[in-house]
Each structure stands twice: as C-alpha cells, then as structure tokens.
Protein backbone atom coordinates (compact mmCIF):
# COMPACT_ATOMS: atom_id res chain seq x y z
CA TRP A 1 -31.79 58.70 -65.15
CA LEU A 2 -32.06 58.17 -68.85
CA LEU A 3 -34.76 60.90 -69.29
CA LEU A 4 -32.26 63.58 -67.49
CA ALA A 5 -29.49 62.36 -69.57
CA SER A 6 -31.09 62.88 -72.77
CA LEU A 7 -32.37 66.29 -71.69
CA ILE A 8 -28.94 67.37 -70.76
CA THR A 9 -27.63 66.15 -74.33
CA ALA A 10 -30.38 67.69 -76.04
CA CYS A 11 -29.54 71.18 -74.46
CA TYR A 12 -25.84 70.66 -75.24
CA PHE A 13 -26.54 70.13 -78.89
CA ARG A 14 -28.66 73.12 -79.21
CA ALA A 15 -25.74 75.07 -77.60
CA ASP A 16 -23.60 73.74 -79.97
CA VAL A 17 -20.90 72.43 -77.68
CA PRO A 18 -17.79 71.23 -79.55
CA PHE A 19 -16.77 67.63 -79.36
CA ASN A 20 -14.47 66.55 -76.76
CA LEU A 21 -13.10 63.31 -75.24
CA GLY A 22 -15.51 63.77 -72.43
CA TRP A 23 -18.33 62.60 -74.76
CA TRP A 24 -17.10 59.28 -74.14
CA GLY A 25 -18.43 59.60 -70.42
CA TYR A 26 -21.71 59.21 -71.73
CA ILE A 27 -21.16 55.77 -73.29
CA PHE A 28 -20.19 54.02 -70.10
CA PRO A 29 -23.27 54.65 -67.93
CA LEU A 30 -25.66 53.90 -70.84
CA GLY A 31 -24.07 50.38 -71.37
CA VAL A 32 -24.35 49.86 -67.94
CA TYR A 33 -28.18 50.78 -67.76
CA ALA A 34 -28.54 48.75 -70.86
CA LEU A 35 -27.13 45.53 -69.25
CA ALA A 36 -28.78 46.00 -66.05
CA THR A 37 -32.04 46.22 -68.11
CA LEU A 38 -31.79 43.19 -69.84
CA LYS A 39 -30.38 41.24 -66.64
CA ILE A 40 -33.26 42.46 -64.62
CA GLY A 41 -35.53 41.37 -67.43
CA ALA A 42 -34.15 38.09 -67.47
CA ALA A 43 -34.14 37.54 -63.70
CA LEU A 44 -37.81 38.59 -63.50
CA ASP A 45 -38.93 36.93 -66.93
CA LEU A 46 -40.36 40.24 -68.10
CA ALA A 47 -40.35 40.41 -71.85
CA ALA A 48 -41.01 44.34 -71.82
CA LEU A 49 -37.55 44.77 -70.10
CA GLY A 50 -36.01 42.74 -72.63
CA VAL A 51 -37.37 44.62 -75.16
CA LEU A 52 -36.47 47.93 -73.54
CA GLY A 53 -32.84 46.64 -72.83
CA GLY A 54 -32.66 45.86 -76.53
CA MET A 55 -33.66 49.17 -77.53
CA LEU A 56 -30.93 50.62 -75.04
CA VAL A 57 -28.39 48.47 -76.58
CA GLY A 58 -29.34 49.95 -80.06
CA VAL A 59 -28.73 53.45 -78.90
CA LEU A 60 -25.60 52.36 -77.16
CA THR A 61 -24.52 50.92 -80.17
CA LEU A 62 -25.56 54.33 -82.61
CA MET A 63 -23.99 56.64 -79.85
CA TRP A 64 -20.90 54.69 -79.66
CA GLY A 65 -20.49 54.88 -83.33
CA VAL A 66 -20.75 58.53 -83.45
CA VAL A 67 -18.36 59.15 -80.47
CA ALA A 68 -16.19 56.95 -82.11
CA ALA A 69 -16.41 58.43 -85.52
CA ARG A 70 -15.89 61.78 -83.81
CA THR A 71 -13.09 60.98 -81.99
CA ALA A 72 -11.48 59.43 -85.25
CA ARG A 73 -12.43 62.80 -87.06
CA GLY A 74 -10.82 64.92 -84.37
CA GLY A 75 -7.28 62.70 -84.21
CA TRP A 76 -6.97 62.92 -87.71
CA HIS A 77 -7.65 66.55 -88.28
CA GLY A 78 -5.48 67.43 -85.06
CA THR A 79 -8.40 68.91 -83.08
CA LEU A 80 -8.99 66.27 -80.62
CA PHE A 81 -6.52 67.58 -77.93
CA HIS A 82 -6.77 71.08 -78.97
CA ALA A 83 -7.46 73.73 -76.00
CA PRO A 84 -8.38 77.15 -77.82
CA CYS A 85 -8.16 79.11 -74.44
CA LEU A 86 -4.46 77.82 -74.29
CA ASP A 87 -3.47 79.66 -77.62
CA GLN A 88 -4.35 82.99 -76.01
CA GLY A 89 -1.27 82.59 -73.79
CA THR A 90 -3.27 82.98 -70.41
CA GLY A 91 -2.36 79.38 -69.67
CA THR A 92 -5.67 78.49 -68.13
CA CYS A 93 -9.07 77.61 -69.86
CA ALA A 94 -12.28 79.70 -69.02
CA THR A 95 -15.09 77.87 -67.46
CA ALA A 96 -18.65 77.98 -68.60
CA THR A 97 -21.56 78.68 -66.45
CA ILE A 98 -25.38 78.91 -66.54
CA ALA A 99 -26.43 82.01 -64.94
CA PRO A 100 -29.28 81.24 -62.69
CA GLY A 101 -32.89 81.79 -64.06
CA THR A 102 -31.65 81.96 -67.58
CA ARG A 103 -30.56 79.89 -70.57
CA ALA A 104 -27.67 81.72 -71.40
CA LEU A 105 -24.27 80.21 -71.37
CA THR A 106 -21.82 82.62 -70.05
CA LEU A 107 -17.88 81.93 -70.32
C-alpha cells in the first residue's frame, strides 16, 4: 500500500498538481498504517516492525506538517476554496484524465 501511494504521490508532484483539501485524504490512511504497524510489532514482539512503525510515524508527522502549512497558507491567501473553472462561467469543472498508454494529463 505504501509503495503504491508513494508512487502515485510522486507522479502528482511531477505533474505539478496544485494543492487542494483532498491532500488530507493521504494523512488518515498513513496514520492508520503507522499505528497498525506499531501494534502488530508489539503484539508479535518484533523489533523491526516497531522501527518501521516509528519511521512511518515520522513520515506521517512530516506529511501532516506540510499539508497543515499548505492548508493555512491557502486559507490565508484565499486560494483554498478557489475553483478556477467556475470563474469561466461554465458552472462546472473539467475533469483530468490520463490517456491509456501515455503519461499525458488531459483536461
């Protein structure tokens, strides 16, 4: 799970996807995964899982800080709830798709 989530996140960063509140959706699963790793490590008395769980908590803390800072900045600058597609007068937002067999992001 973590590898897949990391790869998808890396693709989004390379595509320069702007910040939105959906980034908070990454925090909850990472927190659950970190806690579950720590609990399983304690239940099975496996030090390696305890270390891995501690590392995941560190990543969780870092990600939480980044997302919280971006949320605060977006709220302060008034861009947090801004939908550029609604400024065009269409009333709907375009959806992004990735064409099969390509890396191109199409709106």
